[in-house]
Protein backbone atom coordinates (compact mmCIF):
# COMPACT_ATOMS: atom_id res chain seq x y z
CA MET A 1 37.94 8.19 8.56
CA MET A 2 34.45 7.12 9.63
CA GLN A 3 31.30 8.83 8.48
CA LEU A 4 28.44 6.36 8.87
CA PRO A 5 24.91 6.38 7.38
CA ASN A 6 21.96 7.54 9.45
CA TYR A 7 18.38 6.75 8.39
CA LYS A 8 16.84 9.61 10.38
CA GLU A 9 19.03 12.13 8.58
CA ALA A 10 18.44 10.40 5.23
CA LYS A 11 14.67 10.78 5.65
CA LEU A 12 14.80 14.55 6.17
CA ARG A 13 13.72 16.79 3.30
CA ASN A 14 15.11 20.26 3.93
CA LYS A 15 14.47 23.43 1.96
CA GLU A 16 18.15 24.23 1.45
CA SER A 17 19.19 25.06 -2.09
CA ILE A 18 21.52 22.60 -3.79
CA VAL A 19 24.94 24.01 -4.61
CA ARG A 20 26.18 23.17 -8.11
CA GLU A 21 29.92 22.61 -8.48
CA GLU A 22 32.34 21.52 -11.22
CA TYR A 23 34.39 18.38 -10.65
CA GLN A 24 38.12 18.97 -10.50
CA LEU A 25 40.75 16.30 -10.05
CA ASP A 26 43.62 17.15 -7.75
CA GLN A 27 46.57 16.73 -10.12
CA ASN A 28 48.67 15.43 -7.21
CA LEU A 29 46.51 12.29 -7.38
CA SER A 30 46.74 11.76 -11.14
CA LYS A 31 49.37 9.01 -10.92
CA ILE A 32 48.37 7.08 -7.78
CA GLY A 33 47.00 4.23 -9.89
CA GLN A 34 49.83 4.09 -12.40
CA GLY A 35 50.80 0.50 -13.16
CA LYS A 36 47.69 -0.84 -11.37
CA THR A 37 44.48 -2.37 -12.72
CA TYR A 38 40.85 -2.10 -11.62
CA HIS A 39 37.62 -4.06 -11.99
CA VAL A 40 34.19 -2.51 -11.31
CA LYS A 41 31.26 -4.87 -10.73
CA THR A 42 27.85 -3.22 -11.05
CA TYR A 43 24.56 -4.35 -9.56
CA GLY A 44 21.12 -2.82 -10.06
CA CYS A 45 19.54 -0.14 -12.18
CA GLN A 46 20.61 2.10 -15.05
CA MET A 47 21.52 4.84 -12.55
CA ASN A 48 24.10 2.47 -11.07
CA GLU A 49 25.34 1.54 -14.54
CA HIS A 50 25.89 5.21 -15.31
CA ASP A 51 27.55 5.79 -11.92
CA SER A 52 29.97 2.99 -12.86
CA GLU A 53 30.75 4.80 -16.11
CA ASN A 54 31.80 7.80 -13.99
CA ILE A 55 33.74 5.61 -11.55
CA LYS A 56 35.72 3.93 -14.34
CA ALA A 57 36.62 7.28 -15.88
CA MET A 58 37.78 8.68 -12.52
CA LEU A 59 39.95 5.61 -11.91
CA GLU A 60 41.53 5.93 -15.34
CA GLU A 61 42.29 9.59 -14.65
CA LEU A 62 44.26 8.29 -11.64
CA GLY A 63 46.31 6.02 -13.91
CA PHE A 64 44.47 2.71 -13.41
CA THR A 65 43.68 0.48 -16.39
CA GLU A 66 40.61 -1.75 -16.64
CA GLU A 67 40.92 -5.51 -16.08
CA GLU A 68 38.03 -7.74 -17.18
CA ASN A 69 38.93 -10.59 -14.81
CA TYR A 70 38.37 -9.44 -11.23
CA GLU A 71 40.73 -12.16 -9.95
CA GLN A 72 43.61 -10.42 -11.76
CA ALA A 73 42.78 -6.81 -10.76
CA ASP A 74 44.67 -4.75 -8.17
CA LEU A 75 41.46 -2.92 -7.19
CA VAL A 76 37.95 -4.43 -7.16
CA LEU A 77 35.06 -2.04 -6.57
CA LEU A 78 31.48 -3.23 -6.06
CA ASN A 79 28.82 -0.70 -7.06
CA THR A 80 25.83 -2.09 -5.19
CA CYS A 81 22.03 -2.06 -5.27
CA SER A 82 19.62 -2.25 -2.34
CA ILE A 83 16.25 -2.44 -4.08
CA ARG A 84 15.81 -6.20 -3.42
CA GLU A 85 17.32 -8.83 -1.16
CA ASN A 86 18.68 -10.78 -4.13
CA ALA A 87 21.00 -7.90 -5.07
CA HIS A 88 22.15 -7.71 -1.44
CA ASN A 89 22.98 -11.39 -1.35
CA LYS A 90 24.90 -11.23 -4.62
CA ALA A 91 27.09 -8.38 -3.36
CA PHE A 92 27.84 -10.08 -0.04
CA GLY A 93 28.52 -13.33 -1.89
CA MET A 94 31.05 -11.48 -4.04
CA LEU A 95 32.67 -10.01 -0.92
CA GLY A 96 33.07 -13.57 0.37
CA ARG A 97 34.94 -14.56 -2.80
CA LEU A 98 37.10 -11.44 -2.56
CA LYS A 99 37.99 -12.28 1.04
CA HIS A 100 39.56 -15.57 -0.11
CA LEU A 101 41.34 -13.72 -2.90
CA LYS A 102 42.73 -11.17 -0.45
CA GLU A 103 44.09 -13.93 1.76
CA GLU A 104 46.26 -14.92 -1.21
CA ARG A 105 47.03 -11.35 -2.32
CA LYS A 106 47.44 -9.05 0.68
CA ASP A 107 47.84 -5.96 -1.51
CA LEU A 108 44.41 -6.39 -3.19
CA MET A 109 42.28 -3.28 -2.68
CA ILE A 110 38.53 -3.81 -2.21
CA GLY A 111 35.93 -1.06 -2.25
CA LEU A 112 32.15 -0.91 -1.91
CA CYS A 113 29.86 1.91 -3.01
CA GLY A 114 26.32 2.50 -4.25
CA CYS A 115 22.99 2.14 -2.50
CA MET A 116 23.97 -0.65 -0.07
CA ALA A 117 26.63 1.67 1.34
CA GLN A 118 23.82 4.02 2.47
CA GLU A 119 22.26 1.34 4.71
CA GLU A 120 23.03 1.34 8.44
CA GLY A 121 22.80 -2.47 8.66
CA VAL A 122 25.21 -3.01 5.77
CA ILE A 123 27.86 -0.70 7.21
CA ASP A 124 27.49 -2.32 10.63
CA GLU A 125 28.08 -5.71 9.00
CA ILE A 126 31.12 -4.45 7.10
CA LEU A 127 32.61 -3.01 10.30
CA HIS A 128 32.20 -6.29 12.16
CA LYS A 129 32.49 -9.04 9.54
CA TYR A 130 34.20 -7.51 6.51
CA GLN A 131 37.10 -5.57 7.94
CA PHE A 132 39.20 -6.58 4.93
CA VAL A 133 37.20 -4.09 2.79
CA ASN A 134 39.51 -1.12 2.25
CA PHE A 135 37.04 1.69 1.67
CA VAL A 136 33.32 2.44 1.41
CA PHE A 137 31.55 5.49 0.03
CA GLY A 138 27.92 6.28 -0.73
CA THR A 139 25.79 7.66 -3.52
CA HIS A 140 26.18 11.31 -2.49
CA ASN A 141 29.98 11.52 -2.59
CA LEU A 142 30.89 9.55 -5.70
CA TYR A 143 33.13 12.42 -6.79
CA ARG A 144 35.34 11.91 -3.71
CA LEU A 145 36.55 8.49 -4.88
CA PRO A 146 40.07 9.75 -5.79
CA ILE A 147 40.52 11.35 -2.35
CA LEU A 148 39.23 8.31 -0.42
CA LEU A 149 41.37 5.96 -2.47
CA ASP A 150 44.46 8.08 -1.84
CA GLN A 151 43.73 8.26 1.89
CA ASN A 152 43.34 4.48 2.11
CA MET A 153 46.52 3.79 0.14
CA LYS A 154 48.46 6.02 2.54
CA SER A 155 46.85 5.02 5.85
CA GLN A 156 46.15 1.32 5.19
CA HIS A 157 43.12 1.74 7.48
CA GLN A 158 39.52 1.08 6.49
CA GLU A 159 37.94 4.29 5.17
CA ILE A 160 34.15 4.70 5.42
CA GLU A 161 32.61 7.95 4.21
CA VAL A 162 28.85 7.87 3.68
CA TYR A 163 26.80 11.07 3.66
CA SER A 164 23.21 10.74 4.90
CA LYS A 165 22.44 14.25 3.73
CA GLU A 166 22.85 14.58 -0.02
CA GLY A 167 25.87 16.52 -1.17
CA ASN A 168 26.16 19.17 -3.84
CA LEU A 169 25.28 18.59 -7.49
CA ILE A 170 28.60 17.90 -9.18
CA GLU A 171 28.85 18.65 -12.89
CA GLY A 172 31.64 17.64 -15.22
CA LEU A 173 32.38 14.18 -13.84
CA PRO A 174 34.45 12.23 -16.36
CA VAL A 175 32.64 9.34 -18.03
CA LYS A 176 33.74 6.15 -19.76
CA ARG A 177 30.60 5.17 -21.65
CA ALA A 178 29.79 1.51 -22.19
CA SER A 179 28.47 2.22 -25.71
CA LEU A 180 29.58 4.39 -28.60
CA TYR A 181 25.98 4.84 -29.79
CA LYS A 182 23.69 4.98 -26.73
CA ALA A 183 24.26 7.16 -23.68
CA TYR A 184 22.71 7.65 -20.26
CA VAL A 185 22.16 11.24 -19.14
CA ASN A 186 21.19 11.89 -15.52
CA ILE A 187 18.52 14.59 -15.20
CA ILE A 188 17.36 14.20 -11.58
CA TYR A 189 18.75 12.52 -8.49
CA GLY A 190 16.86 11.15 -5.51
CA CYS A 191 13.17 10.58 -4.81
CA ASP A 192 10.61 12.15 -2.48
CA LYS A 193 7.79 9.64 -2.99
CA PHE A 194 8.58 7.34 -0.02
CA CYS A 195 6.62 4.33 -1.27
CA THR A 196 6.36 2.14 1.83
CA TYR A 197 8.35 -0.79 0.37
CA CYS A 198 11.16 1.27 -1.19
CA ILE A 199 14.52 2.18 0.30
CA VAL A 200 15.58 4.45 -2.59
CA PRO A 201 14.50 7.77 -0.92
CA TYR A 202 16.89 6.89 1.92
CA THR A 203 19.77 5.72 -0.26
CA ARG A 204 19.53 8.38 -2.99
CA GLY A 205 18.29 11.38 -1.01
CA LYS A 206 15.85 14.13 -1.89
CA GLN A 207 14.91 15.09 -5.44
CA ARG A 208 17.55 17.32 -7.05
CA SER A 209 17.19 18.30 -10.69
CA ARG A 210 20.16 19.17 -12.87
CA ALA A 211 19.95 22.55 -14.59
CA GLN A 212 18.53 22.24 -18.09
CA GLU A 213 21.50 24.05 -19.63
CA ASP A 214 23.87 21.41 -18.18
CA ILE A 215 21.72 18.58 -19.53
CA LEU A 216 21.38 20.14 -22.98
CA ARG A 217 25.12 20.84 -23.11
CA GLU A 218 25.77 17.15 -22.41
CA VAL A 219 23.27 16.02 -25.06
CA ASN A 220 24.76 18.37 -27.68
CA SER A 221 28.22 17.07 -26.85
CA LEU A 222 26.99 13.51 -27.37
CA ILE A 223 25.55 14.47 -30.75
CA GLN A 224 28.94 15.83 -31.79
CA GLU A 225 30.52 12.54 -30.72
CA GLY A 226 28.14 10.62 -32.98
CA TYR A 227 25.71 9.21 -30.42
CA GLN A 228 22.36 8.09 -31.81
CA GLU A 229 20.34 7.76 -28.59
CA VAL A 230 20.14 9.25 -25.11
CA THR A 231 18.19 7.89 -22.16
CA LEU A 232 17.26 10.56 -19.62
CA LEU A 233 17.67 8.97 -16.19
CA GLY A 234 16.24 9.45 -12.74
CA GLN A 235 14.55 7.54 -9.94
CA ASN A 236 11.44 9.52 -10.95
CA VAL A 237 12.14 11.52 -14.10
CA ASN A 238 8.60 12.92 -14.20
CA ALA A 239 9.35 14.96 -11.07
CA TYR A 240 12.09 16.82 -12.95
CA GLY A 241 12.03 20.56 -12.21
CA LYS A 242 9.68 20.37 -9.22
CA ASP A 243 12.52 21.58 -7.02
CA PHE A 244 13.19 24.65 -9.22
CA ASP A 245 11.96 28.10 -8.20
CA TYR A 246 10.91 28.74 -11.82
CA ASP A 247 8.52 27.02 -14.20
CA TYR A 248 10.46 24.41 -16.14
CA ARG A 249 9.31 20.79 -15.96
CA MET A 250 9.80 17.41 -17.61
CA GLU A 251 7.67 18.27 -20.65
CA ASN A 252 9.85 21.35 -21.26
CA LEU A 253 13.06 19.35 -20.96
CA LEU A 254 11.77 16.57 -23.23
CA GLU A 255 10.88 19.14 -25.89
CA ASP A 256 14.25 20.90 -25.65
CA VAL A 257 16.16 17.60 -25.85
CA ALA A 258 14.07 16.57 -28.88
CA LYS A 259 14.87 19.91 -30.54
CA THR A 260 18.61 19.16 -30.34
CA GLY A 261 17.99 16.75 -33.21
CA ILE A 262 19.49 13.67 -31.57
CA PRO A 263 17.87 10.74 -33.42
CA ARG A 264 16.49 8.95 -30.37
CA VAL A 265 15.33 10.10 -26.93
CA ARG A 266 14.18 7.77 -24.16
CA PHE A 267 13.52 8.35 -20.46
CA MET A 268 13.04 6.29 -17.31
CA THR A 269 11.71 5.68 -14.74
CA SER A 270 8.28 7.31 -14.57
CA HIS A 271 5.95 7.50 -11.59
CA PRO A 272 2.30 7.52 -12.77
CA TRP A 273 1.44 10.26 -10.27
CA ASP A 274 3.70 12.80 -12.03
CA PHE A 275 2.94 11.85 -15.65
CA THR A 276 1.22 14.93 -17.10
CA ASP A 277 -0.97 15.42 -20.17
CA LYS A 278 1.61 17.92 -21.46
CA MET A 279 4.29 15.20 -21.33
CA ILE A 280 2.09 12.92 -23.42
CA GLU A 281 1.51 15.71 -25.96
CA VAL A 282 5.25 16.41 -26.30
CA ILE A 283 6.08 12.69 -26.75
CA ALA A 284 3.43 12.42 -29.46
CA LYS A 285 4.64 15.60 -31.18
CA TYR A 286 8.31 14.70 -31.66
CA PRO A 287 9.19 11.61 -33.72
CA ASN A 288 12.63 11.38 -32.12
CA ILE A 289 11.08 10.81 -28.68
CA MET A 290 10.67 7.05 -28.76
CA PRO A 291 7.14 5.63 -28.41
CA SER A 292 8.14 3.42 -25.49
CA ILE A 293 6.96 4.20 -21.96
CA HIS A 294 7.93 2.41 -18.75
CA LEU A 295 5.05 2.97 -16.33
CA PRO A 296 5.32 0.93 -13.11
CA VAL A 297 1.93 -0.02 -11.63
CA GLN A 298 3.17 -2.39 -8.86
CA SER A 299 -0.35 -3.69 -8.04
CA GLY A 300 -3.85 -3.67 -9.49
CA SER A 301 -5.52 -3.59 -6.06
CA ASN A 302 -6.47 -0.18 -4.66
CA ARG A 303 -6.13 -1.54 -1.13
CA ILE A 304 -2.57 -2.71 -1.78
CA LEU A 305 -1.69 0.48 -3.69
CA LYS A 306 -2.72 2.48 -0.62
CA LEU A 307 -0.61 0.25 1.65
CA MET A 308 2.27 0.76 -0.77
CA GLY A 309 1.88 4.56 -0.59
CA ARG A 310 1.64 4.82 -4.38
CA ARG A 311 -0.81 7.79 -4.35
CA TYR A 312 -2.90 6.66 -7.31
CA THR A 313 -5.72 4.16 -7.86
CA LYS A 314 -6.19 1.39 -10.38
CA GLU A 315 -8.76 3.61 -12.09
CA SER A 316 -6.47 6.64 -12.38
CA TYR A 317 -3.64 4.42 -13.65
CA LEU A 318 -5.90 3.01 -16.37
CA GLU A 319 -7.05 6.51 -17.31
CA LEU A 320 -3.40 7.53 -17.80
CA PHE A 321 -2.63 4.28 -19.64
CA TYR A 322 -5.41 4.88 -22.16
CA LYS A 323 -4.41 8.53 -22.67
CA ILE A 324 -0.90 7.35 -23.56
CA LYS A 325 -2.20 4.59 -25.86
CA SER A 326 -4.67 6.85 -27.67
CA THR A 327 -2.33 9.83 -28.11
CA ILE A 328 1.08 8.33 -28.97
CA PRO A 329 1.04 6.27 -32.20
CA ASN A 330 2.26 2.65 -31.95
CA VAL A 331 3.35 3.20 -28.33
CA SER A 332 4.59 0.26 -26.26
CA VAL A 333 4.05 0.31 -22.50
CA SER A 334 6.02 -1.74 -19.99
CA THR A 335 5.56 -1.95 -16.23
CA ASP A 336 6.79 -3.26 -12.85
CA ILE A 337 4.64 -5.50 -10.65
CA ILE A 338 5.19 -6.73 -7.08
CA VAL A 339 3.39 -9.86 -5.88
CA GLY A 340 3.07 -11.01 -2.29
CA PHE A 341 3.07 -7.57 -0.68
CA PRO A 342 2.22 -7.96 3.05
CA GLY A 343 -1.51 -8.54 3.41
CA GLU A 344 -2.11 -9.27 -0.27
CA THR A 345 -5.10 -11.60 -0.54
CA GLU A 346 -6.07 -13.84 -3.45
CA GLU A 347 -8.66 -11.17 -4.35
CA ASP A 348 -5.97 -8.47 -4.39
CA PHE A 349 -3.80 -10.64 -6.61
CA LEU A 350 -6.70 -11.25 -9.01
CA GLU A 351 -7.16 -7.46 -9.24
CA THR A 352 -3.58 -7.27 -10.51
CA VAL A 353 -4.25 -10.08 -12.98
CA SER A 354 -7.35 -8.22 -14.17
CA LEU A 355 -5.33 -5.05 -14.80
CA VAL A 356 -2.65 -7.01 -16.71
CA GLU A 357 -5.32 -8.64 -18.86
CA GLU A 358 -6.76 -5.22 -19.64
CA CYS A 359 -3.46 -3.44 -20.38
CA LYS A 360 -1.72 -6.33 -22.17
CA PHE A 361 1.70 -4.83 -21.43
CA ASP A 362 4.51 -5.11 -23.98
CA ASN A 363 6.87 -6.00 -21.16
CA ALA A 364 6.66 -6.40 -17.39
CA PHE A 365 9.28 -6.83 -14.70
CA THR A 366 7.65 -8.97 -12.02
CA PHE A 367 9.01 -9.56 -8.52
CA ILE A 368 8.14 -11.16 -5.22
CA TYR A 369 7.97 -8.52 -2.47
CA SER A 370 11.32 -8.16 -0.73
CA PRO A 371 11.32 -6.42 2.70
CA ARG A 372 13.89 -3.65 2.99
CA GLU A 373 15.48 -2.46 6.21
CA ASN A 374 13.82 0.58 7.85
CA THR A 375 10.91 0.83 5.38
CA PRO A 376 7.32 1.00 6.74
CA ALA A 377 6.26 -2.08 4.76
CA ALA A 378 8.93 -4.18 6.50
CA LYS A 379 7.00 -3.67 9.76
CA LEU A 380 3.69 -4.95 8.33
CA GLU A 381 2.50 -8.42 9.25
CA ASP A 382 3.11 -10.82 6.40
CA HIS A 383 1.10 -14.05 6.57
CA ILE A 384 1.69 -15.12 2.96
CA SER A 385 3.98 -18.12 2.64
CA LEU A 386 6.91 -18.02 0.24
CA GLU A 387 5.35 -20.99 -1.56
CA GLU A 388 2.15 -19.00 -2.18
CA LYS A 389 4.13 -15.94 -3.36
CA GLU A 390 6.07 -18.09 -5.81
CA LYS A 391 2.83 -19.63 -7.11
CA ARG A 392 1.35 -16.17 -7.68
CA LEU A 393 4.48 -15.00 -9.47
CA HIS A 394 4.39 -18.06 -11.70
CA ARG A 395 0.69 -17.51 -12.51
CA LEU A 396 1.33 -13.86 -13.28
CA ASN A 397 4.34 -14.60 -15.47
CA GLU A 398 2.37 -17.06 -17.57
CA ILE A 399 -0.17 -14.29 -18.28
CA VAL A 400 2.29 -11.47 -19.00
CA ASN A 401 4.37 -13.75 -21.24
CA LYS A 402 1.28 -14.55 -23.28
CA TYR A 403 0.77 -10.84 -23.98
CA PHE A 404 4.46 -10.27 -24.74
CA LEU A 405 4.17 -12.82 -27.54
CA GLU A 406 0.80 -11.46 -28.77
CA ASN A 407 2.20 -7.92 -28.95
CA ASN A 408 5.31 -9.08 -30.77
CA GLN A 409 3.26 -11.04 -33.30
CA LYS A 410 1.54 -7.82 -34.34
CA TRP A 411 4.86 -6.64 -35.80
CA VAL A 412 5.40 -9.60 -38.14
CA GLY A 413 5.62 -8.36 -41.73
CA LYS A 414 6.12 -4.74 -40.70
CA ILE A 415 9.21 -2.60 -41.32
CA VAL A 416 10.67 -1.01 -38.20
CA PRO A 417 13.57 1.38 -37.48
CA VAL A 418 16.36 -0.33 -35.54
CA LEU A 419 19.47 1.03 -33.86
CA VAL A 420 22.06 -1.67 -34.53
CA GLU A 421 24.12 -2.40 -31.40
CA GLY A 422 26.50 -5.04 -32.69
CA LYS A 423 27.05 -8.76 -33.13
CA ASN A 424 24.85 -11.22 -31.28
CA THR A 425 26.35 -12.45 -28.03
CA ASN A 426 23.92 -15.38 -27.61
CA GLY A 427 25.69 -17.74 -29.97
CA LYS A 428 23.62 -16.74 -33.00
CA ASP A 429 25.18 -15.35 -36.14
CA GLY A 430 24.25 -11.86 -37.20
CA LEU A 431 23.38 -8.62 -35.43
CA TYR A 432 21.02 -7.33 -32.80
CA GLY A 433 19.41 -3.99 -32.05
CA TYR A 434 16.32 -2.33 -30.63
CA THR A 435 13.27 -0.97 -32.39
CA ASP A 436 11.83 2.45 -31.58
CA THR A 437 9.34 0.63 -29.32
CA ASN A 438 12.32 -0.91 -27.45
CA LYS A 439 11.90 -4.45 -28.75
CA LEU A 440 15.00 -6.62 -29.16
CA ILE A 441 15.40 -7.80 -32.76
CA ASN A 442 17.98 -10.22 -34.22
CA PHE A 443 18.84 -10.27 -37.91
CA PRO A 444 21.64 -11.25 -40.32
CA GLY A 445 23.83 -8.43 -41.56
CA SER A 446 27.27 -6.89 -41.86
CA GLU A 447 29.00 -5.64 -38.72
CA SER A 448 29.55 -2.36 -40.59
CA LEU A 449 25.89 -1.52 -39.79
CA THR A 450 26.72 -1.23 -36.06
CA GLY A 451 25.82 2.16 -34.66
CA LYS A 452 23.41 3.01 -37.49
CA ILE A 453 19.64 3.30 -37.50
CA ILE A 454 18.36 1.08 -40.31
CA LEU A 455 15.05 -0.37 -41.49
CA VAL A 456 14.42 -4.03 -40.69
CA ARG A 457 11.47 -6.20 -41.73
CA VAL A 458 10.09 -8.36 -38.89
CA CYS A 459 9.93 -12.00 -40.02
CA GLU A 460 9.21 -13.89 -36.80
CA ALA A 461 7.98 -13.09 -33.29
CA LYS A 462 9.12 -14.78 -30.11
CA THR A 463 8.10 -14.06 -26.52
CA TRP A 464 11.04 -11.78 -25.69
CA SER A 465 12.44 -10.88 -29.09
CA LEU A 466 11.86 -10.53 -32.82
CA ASP A 467 13.73 -11.97 -35.81
CA GLY A 468 14.06 -9.92 -38.97
CA GLU A 469 15.92 -9.10 -42.15
CA VAL A 470 17.53 -5.86 -43.32
CA CYS A 471 15.50 -3.98 -45.91
CA GLU A 472 17.67 -3.40 -48.99
């Protein structure tokens, strides 16, 4: 079977209503993986991490069991990301290792899915250079994994099925959650913003919001299972409900999720253009909506923001930033910043530095611009050398790191609520968890505290974390 991606189709935004369906496994497929093992390798964002939780659960419904060492697995599935070139290279590097493995083990099954599967260039490369890959599927037909796997096992021919037009909204997908205490809950799929550097609107399709009753049912189920925290996920969560033919938006959903009584509510990612005053009011009103906002700015230069297609100015971003800071007590704000966008001058870069020095972000994810296939920005002339881009990134990181430490130092001596996630994995003794403001904190304590929200006194501040002690 061959159904290949098409960028022209992926760009279309039709007015057709999304059909909502319930996932049902064909019971004839329930034993096709019996006696076999699988390994899923995930690249990219939280949406991909949650997709992998669904993928693992579907595979286990087919009889597969998870294998931590990919070299020992019967099936290796790469859930890929296309947001930056680095993620691309990692996935193709992994395919190279799997090719050598398959030369030794002819019966090894290899699959690729996720955002890279939605790219024309990637599929063309797989067809010509990676014919050993057994099957490929995209972001819109995740639920068809059992069928595609069965078809490949029977035919032994490469199966590629990638929809360029988004499919129906499928409810009831099984999920194997990575945590017993924190859960991702998708609320909206796709993005209609079409920022000039971003491939996500092509790989994830148009904005489609889940019905609020389905979201609330999932949250209530998580509460019954003992979960302490949910993160509401979407490429642009603030656009939630804009595709409905009735008045129900992100602020309404946030309030309804808070009213379920789950101890902690988070959400990401936000686009500043859709962040409303009503959202800010709801966040401030409910103590179980965490005072931690991720608000990507990307650049502090109005000229570059316009080239990026971001639809806001530095001034309007700062106005929103200060509304959030003045309304939500003790709020932490993190951001994303791109340096070296085509045409960025030293003056443009200094505008970004100026904004960072004004906002003093609690955290910032900083990147060198990475051209993505078929995006408008990839066609812009880029006269900035890689050496200059790296210098700018280094200069920026020195500044943002200074503010990370300054912000963390403000917490020394204070008592903060922490959701304990388990034993440290960095070689230290003791436990780790996250504060309500989403700061990593390490502290000594009994493993029996895992999964509980406790009070911890901050004793020491570091650039990227805090050290503390449990309050008796």
